[in-house]
PDB file of N, CA and C in Angstrom:
ATOM      1  N   UNK A   1       0.848  -1.175   0.000  1.00  0.00           N
ATOM      2  CA  UNK A   1       0.000   0.000   0.000  1.00  0.00           C
ATOM      3  C   UNK A   1       0.892   1.237   0.000  1.00  0.00           C
ATOM      4  N   UNK A   2       0.654   2.135  -0.920  1.00  0.00           N
ATOM      5  CA  UNK A   2       1.506   3.329  -0.990  1.00  0.00           C
ATOM      6  C   UNK A   2       0.933   4.437  -0.126  1.00  0.00           C
ATOM      7  N   UNK A   3       1.813   5.201   0.483  1.00  0.00           N
ATOM      8  CA  UNK A   3       1.407   6.314   1.328  1.00  0.00           C
ATOM      9  C   UNK A   3       1.451   7.590   0.517  1.00  0.00           C
ATOM     10  N   UNK A   4       0.419   8.396   0.654  1.00  0.00           N
ATOM     11  CA  UNK A   4       0.413   9.682  -0.029  1.00  0.00           C
ATOM     12  C   UNK A   4       1.492  10.568   0.563  1.00  0.00           C
ATOM     13  N   UNK A   5       2.241  11.204  -0.297  1.00  0.00           N
ATOM     14  CA  UNK A   5       3.261  12.137   0.172  1.00  0.00           C
ATOM     15  C   UNK A   5       2.795  13.550  -0.146  1.00  0.00           C
ATOM     16  N   UNK A   6       2.236  14.200   0.843  1.00  0.00           N
ATOM     17  CA  UNK A   6       1.795  15.578   0.688  1.00  0.00           C
ATOM     18  C   UNK A   6       2.783  16.471   1.417  1.00  0.00           C
ATOM     19  N   UNK A   7       2.852  17.717   0.989  1.00  0.00           N
ATOM     20  CA  UNK A   7       3.743  18.659   1.669  1.00  0.00           C
ATOM     21  C   UNK A   7       3.049  20.007   1.777  1.00  0.00           C
ATOM     22  N   UNK A   8       3.577  20.850   2.641  1.00  0.00           N
ATOM     23  CA  UNK A   8       3.005  22.185   2.840  1.00  0.00           C
ATOM     24  C   UNK A   8       2.909  22.893   1.500  1.00  0.00           C
ATOM     25  N   UNK A   9       1.771  23.516   1.268  1.00  0.00           N
ATOM     26  CA  UNK A   9       1.555  24.256   0.027  1.00  0.00           C
ATOM     27  C   UNK A   9       0.818  23.474  -1.039  1.00  0.00           C
ATOM     28  N   UNK A  10       0.708  22.132  -0.885  1.00  0.00           N
ATOM     29  CA  UNK A  10      -0.009  21.329  -1.872  1.00  0.00           C
ATOM     30  C   UNK A  10      -1.500  21.666  -1.845  1.00  0.00           C
ATOM     31  N   UNK A  11      -2.100  21.795  -3.023  1.00  0.00           N
ATOM     32  CA  UNK A  11      -3.546  22.004  -3.141  1.00  0.00           C
ATOM     33  C   UNK A  11      -4.226  20.645  -3.047  1.00  0.00           C
ATOM     34  N   UNK A  12      -5.237  20.545  -2.184  1.00  0.00           N
ATOM     35  CA  UNK A  12      -5.947  19.291  -1.968  1.00  0.00           C
ATOM     36  C   UNK A  12      -7.446  19.541  -1.915  1.00  0.00           C
ATOM     37  N   UNK A  13      -8.207  18.463  -2.004  1.00  0.00           N
ATOM     38  CA  UNK A  13      -9.651  18.549  -1.809  1.00  0.00           C
ATOM     39  C   UNK A  13     -10.076  17.385  -0.932  1.00  0.00           C
ATOM     40  N   UNK A  14     -11.217  17.560  -0.246  1.00  0.00           N
ATOM     41  CA  UNK A  14     -11.736  16.518   0.624  1.00  0.00           C
ATOM     42  C   UNK A  14     -13.237  16.683   0.716  1.00  0.00           C
ATOM     43  N   UNK A  15     -13.906  15.628   1.153  1.00  0.00           N
ATOM     44  CA  UNK A  15     -15.366  15.635   1.259  1.00  0.00           C
ATOM     45  C   UNK A  15     -15.780  16.088   2.653  1.00  0.00           C
ATOM     46  N   UNK A  16     -16.834  16.901   2.696  1.00  0.00           N
ATOM     47  CA  UNK A  16     -17.438  17.318   3.961  1.00  0.00           C
ATOM     48  C   UNK A  16     -18.925  17.013   3.872  1.00  0.00           C
ATOM     49  N   UNK A  17     -19.648  17.238   4.952  1.00  0.00           N
ATOM     50  CA  UNK A  17     -21.093  17.012   4.923  1.00  0.00           C
ATOM     51  C   UNK A  17     -21.782  17.971   3.949  1.00  0.00           C
ATOM     52  N   UNK A  18     -21.139  19.092   3.626  1.00  0.00           N
ATOM     53  CA  UNK A  18     -21.703  20.058   2.681  1.00  0.00           C
ATOM     54  C   UNK A  18     -21.258  19.796   1.243  1.00  0.00           C
ATOM     55  N   UNK A  19     -20.406  18.816   1.035  1.00  0.00           N
ATOM     56  CA  UNK A  19     -19.899  18.530  -0.307  1.00  0.00           C
ATOM     57  C   UNK A  19     -18.385  18.590  -0.327  1.00  0.00           C
ATOM     58  N   UNK A  20     -17.829  18.761  -1.517  1.00  0.00           N
ATOM     59  CA  UNK A  20     -16.375  18.783  -1.687  1.00  0.00           C
ATOM     60  C   UNK A  20     -15.811  20.150  -1.300  1.00  0.00           C
ATOM     61  N   UNK A  21     -14.684  20.146  -0.610  1.00  0.00           N
ATOM     62  CA  UNK A  21     -14.017  21.373  -0.191  1.00  0.00           C
ATOM     63  C   UNK A  21     -12.586  21.350  -0.682  1.00  0.00           C
ATOM     64  N   UNK A  22     -12.062  22.514  -1.014  1.00  0.00           N
ATOM     65  CA  UNK A  22     -10.675  22.632  -1.455  1.00  0.00           C
ATOM     66  C   UNK A  22      -9.888  23.435  -0.444  1.00  0.00           C
ATOM     67  N   UNK A  23      -8.589  23.200  -0.429  1.00  0.00           N
ATOM     68  CA  UNK A  23      -7.728  23.951   0.466  1.00  0.00           C
ATOM     69  C   UNK A  23      -6.276  23.633   0.202  1.00  0.00           C
ATOM     70  N   UNK A  24      -5.454  23.995   1.190  1.00  0.00           N
ATOM     71  CA  UNK A  24      -4.011  23.857   1.063  1.00  0.00           C
ATOM     72  C   UNK A  24      -3.452  23.161   2.296  1.00  0.00           C
ATOM     73  N   UNK A  25      -2.481  22.280   2.080  1.00  0.00           N
ATOM     74  CA  UNK A  25      -1.802  21.628   3.199  1.00  0.00           C
ATOM     75  C   UNK A  25      -0.962  22.673   3.935  1.00  0.00           C
ATOM     76  N   UNK A  26      -1.149  22.757   5.247  1.00  0.00           N
ATOM     77  CA  UNK A  26      -0.377  23.675   6.086  1.00  0.00           C
ATOM     78  C   UNK A  26       0.882  22.975   6.577  1.00  0.00           C
ATOM     79  N   UNK A  27       0.718  21.729   7.073  1.00  0.00           N
ATOM     80  CA  UNK A  27       1.871  20.996   7.603  1.00  0.00           C
ATOM     81  C   UNK A  27       1.513  19.531   7.773  1.00  0.00           C
ATOM     82  N   UNK A  28       2.559  18.720   7.844  1.00  0.00           N
ATOM     83  CA  UNK A  28       2.432  17.296   8.132  1.00  0.00           C
ATOM     84  C   UNK A  28       2.448  17.146   9.648  1.00  0.00           C
ATOM     85  N   UNK A  29       1.528  16.373  10.190  1.00  0.00           N
ATOM     86  CA  UNK A  29       1.433  16.161  11.637  1.00  0.00           C
ATOM     87  C   UNK A  29       1.896  14.744  11.939  1.00  0.00           C
ATOM     88  N   UNK A  30       2.906  14.612  12.806  1.00  0.00           N
ATOM     89  CA  UNK A  30       3.462  13.290  13.118  1.00  0.00           C
ATOM     90  C   UNK A  30       3.401  12.960  14.608  1.00  0.00           C
ATOM     91  N   UNK A  31       2.545  13.666  15.326  1.00  0.00           N
ATOM     92  CA  UNK A  31       2.383  13.412  16.761  1.00  0.00           C
ATOM     93  C   UNK A  31       0.940  13.757  17.135  1.00  0.00           C
ATOM     94  N   UNK A  32       0.532  13.425  18.334  1.00  0.00           N
ATOM     95  CA  UNK A  32      -0.808  13.778  18.778  1.00  0.00           C
ATOM     96  C   UNK A  32      -0.900  15.298  18.866  1.00  0.00           C
ATOM     97  N   UNK A  33      -1.913  15.846  18.230  1.00  0.00           N
ATOM     98  CA  UNK A  33      -2.082  17.299  18.189  1.00  0.00           C
ATOM     99  C   UNK A  33      -3.569  17.613  18.232  1.00  0.00           C
ATOM    100  N   UNK A  34      -3.890  18.834  18.633  1.00  0.00           N
ATOM    101  CA  UNK A  34      -5.276  19.232  18.767  1.00  0.00           C
ATOM    102  C   UNK A  34      -5.541  20.486  17.951  1.00  0.00           C
ATOM    103  N   UNK A  35      -6.615  20.461  17.163  1.00  0.00           N
ATOM    104  CA  UNK A  35      -7.060  21.627  16.401  1.00  0.00           C
ATOM    105  C   UNK A  35      -8.562  21.734  16.589  1.00  0.00           C
ATOM    106  N   UNK A  36      -9.019  22.868  17.084  1.00  0.00           N
ATOM    107  CA  UNK A  36     -10.452  23.135  17.283  1.00  0.00           C
ATOM    108  C   UNK A  36     -11.153  22.030  18.069  1.00  0.00           C
ATOM    109  N   UNK A  37     -10.516  21.546  19.117  1.00  0.00           N
ATOM    110  CA  UNK A  37     -11.141  20.551  19.977  1.00  0.00           C
ATOM    111  C   UNK A  37     -11.047  19.123  19.468  1.00  0.00           C
ATOM    112  N   UNK A  38     -10.532  18.918  18.270  1.00  0.00           N
ATOM    113  CA  UNK A  38     -10.362  17.568  17.722  1.00  0.00           C
ATOM    114  C   UNK A  38      -8.928  17.122  17.966  1.00  0.00           C
ATOM    115  N   UNK A  39      -8.762  15.944  18.540  1.00  0.00           N
ATOM    116  CA  UNK A  39      -7.427  15.404  18.772  1.00  0.00           C
ATOM    117  C   UNK A  39      -7.077  14.428  17.661  1.00  0.00           C
ATOM    118  N   UNK A  40      -5.992  14.712  16.963  1.00  0.00           N
ATOM    119  CA  UNK A  40      -5.495  13.822  15.906  1.00  0.00           C
ATOM    120  C   UNK A  40      -4.377  12.983  16.504  1.00  0.00           C
ATOM    121  N   UNK A  41      -4.517  11.680  16.422  1.00  0.00           N
ATOM    122  CA  UNK A  41      -3.502  10.777  16.973  1.00  0.00           C
ATOM    123  C   UNK A  41      -2.602  10.302  15.852  1.00  0.00           C
ATOM    124  N   UNK A  42      -1.763  11.193  15.373  1.00  0.00           N
ATOM    125  CA  UNK A  42      -0.835  10.879  14.286  1.00  0.00           C
ATOM    126  C   UNK A  42       0.483  10.383  14.862  1.00  0.00           C
ATOM    127  N   UNK A  43       1.234   9.667  14.033  1.00  0.00           N
ATOM    128  CA  UNK A  43       2.574   9.187  14.393  1.00  0.00           C
ATOM    129  C   UNK A  43       3.467   9.358  13.169  1.00  0.00           C
ATOM    130  N   UNK A  44       4.786   9.239  13.338  1.00  0.00           N
ATOM    131  CA  UNK A  44       5.664   9.307  12.161  1.00  0.00           C
ATOM    132  C   UNK A  44       5.328   8.242  11.120  1.00  0.00           C
ATOM    133  N   UNK A  45       4.866   7.065  11.551  1.00  0.00           N
ATOM    134  CA  UNK A  45       4.502   5.995  10.617  1.00  0.00           C
ATOM    135  C   UNK A  45       3.090   6.154  10.058  1.00  0.00           C
ATOM    136  N   UNK A  46       2.255   6.959  10.707  1.00  0.00           N
ATOM    137  CA  UNK A  46       0.880   7.199  10.260  1.00  0.00           C
ATOM    138  C   UNK A  46       0.580   8.691  10.379  1.00  0.00           C
ATOM    139  N   UNK A  47       1.221   9.499   9.531  1.00  0.00           N
ATOM    140  CA  UNK A  47       1.033  10.945   9.620  1.00  0.00           C
ATOM    141  C   UNK A  47      -0.356  11.387   9.184  1.00  0.00           C
ATOM    142  N   UNK A  48      -0.731  12.555   9.633  1.00  0.00           N
ATOM    143  CA  UNK A  48      -1.947  13.214   9.186  1.00  0.00           C
ATOM    144  C   UNK A  48      -1.537  14.603   8.713  1.00  0.00           C
ATOM    145  N   UNK A  49      -2.473  15.348   8.137  1.00  0.00           N
ATOM    146  CA  UNK A  49      -2.129  16.636   7.556  1.00  0.00           C
ATOM    147  C   UNK A  49      -3.084  17.724   8.013  1.00  0.00           C
ATOM    148  N   UNK A  50      -2.501  18.853   8.433  1.00  0.00           N
ATOM    149  CA  UNK A  50      -3.313  20.019   8.749  1.00  0.00           C
ATOM    150  C   UNK A  50      -3.556  20.759   7.448  1.00  0.00           C
ATOM    151  N   UNK A  51      -4.823  21.048   7.167  1.00  0.00           N
ATOM    152  CA  UNK A  51      -5.191  21.735   5.934  1.00  0.00           C
ATOM    153  C   UNK A  51      -5.999  22.985   6.260  1.00  0.00           C
ATOM    154  N   UNK A  52      -5.879  23.984   5.383  1.00  0.00           N
ATOM    155  CA  UNK A  52      -6.633  25.231   5.526  1.00  0.00           C
ATOM    156  C   UNK A  52      -7.639  25.305   4.390  1.00  0.00           C
ATOM    157  N   UNK A  53      -8.908  25.491   4.732  1.00  0.00           N
ATOM    158  CA  UNK A  53      -9.963  25.595   3.740  1.00  0.00           C
ATOM    159  C   UNK A  53      -9.824  26.883   2.939  1.00  0.00           C
ATOM    160  N   UNK A  54      -9.903  26.776   1.613  1.00  0.00           N
ATOM    161  CA  UNK A  54      -9.829  27.957   0.752  1.00  0.00           C
ATOM    162  C   UNK A  54     -11.064  28.837   0.939  1.00  0.00           C
ATOM    163  N   UNK A  55     -12.187  28.227   1.277  1.00  0.00           N
ATOM    164  CA  UNK A  55     -13.442  28.971   1.406  1.00  0.00           C
ATOM    165  C   UNK A  55     -13.562  29.695   2.749  1.00  0.00           C
ATOM    166  N   UNK A  56     -13.309  28.967   3.850  1.00  0.00           N
ATOM    167  CA  UNK A  56     -13.538  29.547   5.180  1.00  0.00           C
ATOM    168  C   UNK A  56     -12.267  30.012   5.876  1.00  0.00           C
ATOM    169  N   UNK A  57     -11.117  29.498   5.447  1.00  0.00           N
ATOM    170  CA  UNK A  57      -9.869  29.825   6.123  1.00  0.00           C
ATOM    171  C   UNK A  57      -9.637  29.019   7.388  1.00  0.00           C
ATOM    172  N   UNK A  58     -10.599  28.157   7.733  1.00  0.00           N
ATOM    173  CA  UNK A  58     -10.472  27.332   8.931  1.00  0.00           C
ATOM    174  C   UNK A  58      -9.481  26.204   8.679  1.00  0.00           C
ATOM    175  N   UNK A  59      -8.808  25.751   9.753  1.00  0.00           N
ATOM    176  CA  UNK A  59      -7.886  24.633   9.626  1.00  0.00           C
ATOM    177  C   UNK A  59      -8.458  23.403  10.313  1.00  0.00           C
ATOM    178  N   UNK A  60      -8.050  22.242   9.818  1.00  0.00           N
ATOM    179  CA  UNK A  60      -8.454  20.968  10.398  1.00  0.00           C
ATOM    180  C   UNK A  60      -7.359  19.961  10.078  1.00  0.00           C
ATOM    181  N   UNK A  61      -7.346  18.861  10.823  1.00  0.00           N
ATOM    182  CA  UNK A  61      -6.370  17.802  10.578  1.00  0.00           C
ATOM    183  C   UNK A  61      -7.104  16.611   9.971  1.00  0.00           C
ATOM    184  N   UNK A  62      -6.565  16.106   8.855  1.00  0.00           N
ATOM    185  CA  UNK A  62      -7.186  14.986   8.137  1.00  0.00           C
ATOM    186  C   UNK A  62      -6.187  13.858   7.929  1.00  0.00           C
ATOM    187  N   UNK A  63      -6.712  12.642   7.872  1.00  0.00           N
ATOM    188  CA  UNK A  63      -5.903  11.486   7.508  1.00  0.00           C
ATOM    189  C   UNK A  63      -5.629  11.563   6.010  1.00  0.00           C
ATOM    190  N   UNK A  64      -4.479  11.060   5.558  1.00  0.00           N
ATOM    191  CA  UNK A  64      -4.141  11.167   4.138  1.00  0.00           C
ATOM    192  C   UNK A  64      -5.153  10.505   3.212  1.00  0.00           C
ATOM    193  N   UNK A  65      -5.827   9.462   3.670  1.00  0.00           N
ATOM    194  CA  UNK A  65      -6.808   8.786   2.833  1.00  0.00           C
ATOM    195  C   UNK A  65      -8.020   9.631   2.504  1.00  0.00           C
ATOM    196  N   UNK A  66      -8.269  10.670   3.287  1.00  0.00           N
ATOM    197  CA  UNK A  66      -9.432  11.515   3.032  1.00  0.00           C
ATOM    198  C   UNK A  66      -9.086  12.715   2.146  1.00  0.00           C
ATOM    199  N   UNK A  67      -7.795  12.890   1.844  1.00  0.00           N
ATOM    200  CA  UNK A  67      -7.356  14.026   1.027  1.00  0.00           C
ATOM    201  C   UNK A  67      -6.988  13.569  -0.372  1.00  0.00           C
ATOM    202  N   UNK A  68      -7.335  14.377  -1.355  1.00  0.00           N
ATOM    203  CA  UNK A  68      -6.963  14.090  -2.741  1.00  0.00           C
ATOM    204  C   UNK A  68      -6.170  15.273  -3.264  1.00  0.00           C
ATOM    205  N   UNK A  69      -4.944  14.994  -3.688  1.00  0.00           N
ATOM    206  CA  UNK A  69      -4.090  16.069  -4.232  1.00  0.00           C
ATOM    207  C   UNK A  69      -4.659  16.502  -5.576  1.00  0.00           C
ATOM    208  N   UNK A  70      -4.781  17.809  -5.726  1.00  0.00           N
ATOM    209  CA  UNK A  70      -5.299  18.347  -6.988  1.00  0.00           C
ATOM    210  C   UNK A  70      -4.195  18.328  -8.028  1.00  0.00           C
ATOM    211  N   UNK A  71      -4.529  17.861  -9.197  1.00  0.00           N
ATOM    212  CA  UNK A  71      -3.557  17.753 -10.277  1.00  0.00           C
ATOM    213  C   UNK A  71      -3.042  19.099 -10.726  1.00  0.00           C
ATOM    214  N   UNK A  72      -1.769  19.144 -11.149  1.00  0.00           N
ATOM    215  CA  UNK A  72      -1.145  20.384 -11.574  1.00  0.00           C
ATOM    216  C   UNK A  72      -1.451  20.645 -12.954  1.00  0.00           C
TER     217      UNK A  72
END
């Protein structure tokens, strides 16, 4: 199974209850971290990514499987 390699600045999209959302990767998270009351239990072997929504400017942490890198 291949791991997605995302980096800060990458344009990505993900699904929300309101539909598809676009944004930008802020950073790779490799430890337990908290954003807006949500605790992400990431590790170096199972990283997650903090993303900023292009529409709202809000940040959230997502697992790589829920993010799709937008093609260049």
